[in-house]
């Protein structure tokens, strides 16, 4: 397929090369993380990231015990829960923000023993 004329000669570009450029160009916008953490009794763990309006957060976690889980952001001195706390051991979900902010996934361990949490997320 001819896409441009340079010095009177046609320059050909393959579809595969164009597709690769699109993938490389889009790939840098994806934010991902994965980790396994221990949350001791009556302690919290959170991981935070910027999430803009129009982006989607895909997340999942698996804990050895039920833990309190929420997604929140801070607005001045106030904590705004986008997803309220639920006592659960695993979850697989997506979230689209109403506003651009620095969001946090947070787990609180109300148990007497340590909870091991495996989580991952992707922002697109």
Protein backbone atom coordinates (compact mmCIF):
# COMPACT_ATOMS: atom_id res chain seq x y z
CA UNK A 1 0.00 0.00 0.00
CA UNK A 2 1.39 3.39 -0.96
CA UNK A 3 1.19 5.93 1.85
CA UNK A 4 3.42 8.82 0.80
CA UNK A 5 5.47 10.22 -2.03
CA UNK A 6 9.04 11.27 -1.23
CA UNK A 7 11.24 12.86 -3.92
CA UNK A 8 8.90 11.56 -6.60
CA UNK A 9 9.11 7.93 -5.34
CA UNK A 10 6.38 6.06 -3.53
CA UNK A 11 7.16 4.84 -0.03
CA UNK A 12 5.57 1.52 0.94
CA UNK A 13 4.62 0.66 4.51
CA UNK A 14 3.51 -2.80 5.62
CA UNK A 15 0.36 -3.25 7.68
CA UNK A 16 2.29 -5.27 10.26
CA UNK A 17 4.71 -2.41 10.85
CA UNK A 18 1.80 0.02 11.25
CA UNK A 19 0.08 -2.31 13.72
CA UNK A 20 3.30 -2.66 15.72
CA UNK A 21 3.64 1.12 15.92
CA UNK A 22 0.08 1.35 17.24
CA UNK A 23 0.74 -1.28 19.91
CA UNK A 24 4.00 0.36 20.98
CA UNK A 25 2.36 3.78 21.01
CA UNK A 26 -0.52 2.61 23.22
CA UNK A 27 1.48 0.33 25.50
CA UNK A 28 3.17 3.09 27.48
CA UNK A 29 -0.22 4.34 28.73
CA UNK A 30 -0.99 1.08 30.56
CA UNK A 31 -0.09 0.99 34.27
CA UNK A 32 0.14 -2.39 35.98
CA UNK A 33 1.22 -3.76 39.33
CA UNK A 34 1.20 -7.14 41.04
CA UNK A 35 2.36 -8.00 44.53
CA UNK A 36 1.90 -10.33 47.48
CA UNK A 37 1.79 -8.65 50.88
CA UNK A 38 1.30 -9.69 54.49
CA UNK A 39 -1.12 -7.53 56.46
CA UNK A 40 -0.75 -8.07 60.18
CA UNK A 41 -3.66 -8.17 62.60
CA UNK A 42 -5.48 -4.80 62.85
CA UNK A 43 -3.16 -3.21 60.25
CA UNK A 44 -3.78 -1.72 56.81
CA UNK A 45 -2.09 -1.86 53.44
CA UNK A 46 -2.79 0.37 50.47
CA UNK A 47 -1.40 0.92 47.01
CA UNK A 48 -2.13 4.17 45.19
CA UNK A 49 -1.99 5.37 41.58
CA UNK A 50 -3.31 8.18 39.40
CA UNK A 51 -6.56 7.40 37.63
CA UNK A 52 -7.96 9.85 35.09
CA UNK A 53 -11.50 10.33 33.90
CA UNK A 54 -11.99 7.98 30.94
CA UNK A 55 -9.51 5.38 32.22
CA UNK A 56 -10.58 1.98 33.54
CA UNK A 57 -9.10 0.14 36.51
CA UNK A 58 -9.21 -3.67 36.37
CA UNK A 59 -8.24 -5.25 39.69
CA UNK A 60 -8.32 -8.53 41.56
CA UNK A 61 -7.09 -9.94 44.82
CA UNK A 62 -7.11 -13.12 46.85
CA UNK A 63 -6.57 -13.08 50.63
CA UNK A 64 -6.03 -15.97 53.05
CA UNK A 65 -8.76 -14.50 55.32
CA UNK A 66 -11.62 -12.08 54.79
CA UNK A 67 -10.37 -8.49 54.94
CA UNK A 68 -12.01 -5.08 54.67
CA UNK A 69 -11.47 -3.76 51.14
CA UNK A 70 -12.19 -0.37 49.60
CA UNK A 71 -11.18 1.96 46.79
CA UNK A 72 -10.83 5.59 47.84
CA UNK A 73 -9.23 8.93 47.09
CA UNK A 74 -8.38 11.96 49.20
CA UNK A 75 -9.95 15.37 48.73
CA UNK A 76 -8.25 17.89 51.02
CA UNK A 77 -8.67 16.35 54.51
CA UNK A 78 -11.51 14.02 53.51
CA UNK A 79 -11.37 10.38 52.38
CA UNK A 80 -13.90 9.68 49.63
CA UNK A 81 -14.85 6.02 49.18
CA UNK A 82 -15.47 5.21 45.52
CA UNK A 83 -16.12 1.60 46.54
CA UNK A 84 -17.14 1.17 50.18
CA UNK A 85 -15.53 -1.29 52.55
CA UNK A 86 -16.61 -4.90 52.28
CA UNK A 87 -15.41 -7.87 54.33
CA UNK A 88 -14.29 -10.29 51.62
CA UNK A 89 -11.45 -12.70 50.82
CA UNK A 90 -11.35 -12.26 47.03
CA UNK A 91 -12.60 -9.95 44.38
CA UNK A 92 -12.26 -9.44 40.65
CA UNK A 93 -13.67 -6.17 39.33
CA UNK A 94 -13.42 -3.05 37.24
CA UNK A 95 -13.86 0.59 38.18
CA UNK A 96 -14.28 3.78 36.17
CA UNK A 97 -13.76 7.02 38.12
CA UNK A 98 -16.17 9.96 38.23
CA UNK A 99 -13.22 12.35 38.65
CA UNK A 100 -9.48 12.28 38.00
CA UNK A 101 -7.61 11.69 41.27
CA UNK A 102 -5.00 9.60 43.06
CA UNK A 103 -6.94 6.45 43.97
CA UNK A 104 -5.96 3.79 46.50
CA UNK A 105 -6.83 0.14 46.85
CA UNK A 106 -6.86 -0.52 50.61
CA UNK A 107 -7.10 -3.67 52.70
CA UNK A 108 -7.60 -3.73 56.49
CA UNK A 109 -7.08 -6.96 58.42
CA UNK A 110 -9.58 -7.26 61.31
CA UNK A 111 -8.44 -10.81 62.12
CA UNK A 112 -6.16 -12.03 64.91
CA UNK A 113 -3.74 -13.64 62.46
CA UNK A 114 -1.80 -12.22 59.52
CA UNK A 115 -3.59 -12.15 56.16
CA UNK A 116 -1.58 -12.81 53.00
CA UNK A 117 -2.97 -10.85 50.05
CA UNK A 118 -2.08 -11.40 46.40
CA UNK A 119 -3.28 -8.57 44.19
CA UNK A 120 -2.84 -7.10 40.75
CA UNK A 121 -4.29 -4.21 38.82
CA UNK A 122 -4.14 -2.61 35.40
CA UNK A 123 -5.12 0.93 34.46
CA UNK A 124 -6.00 1.49 30.79
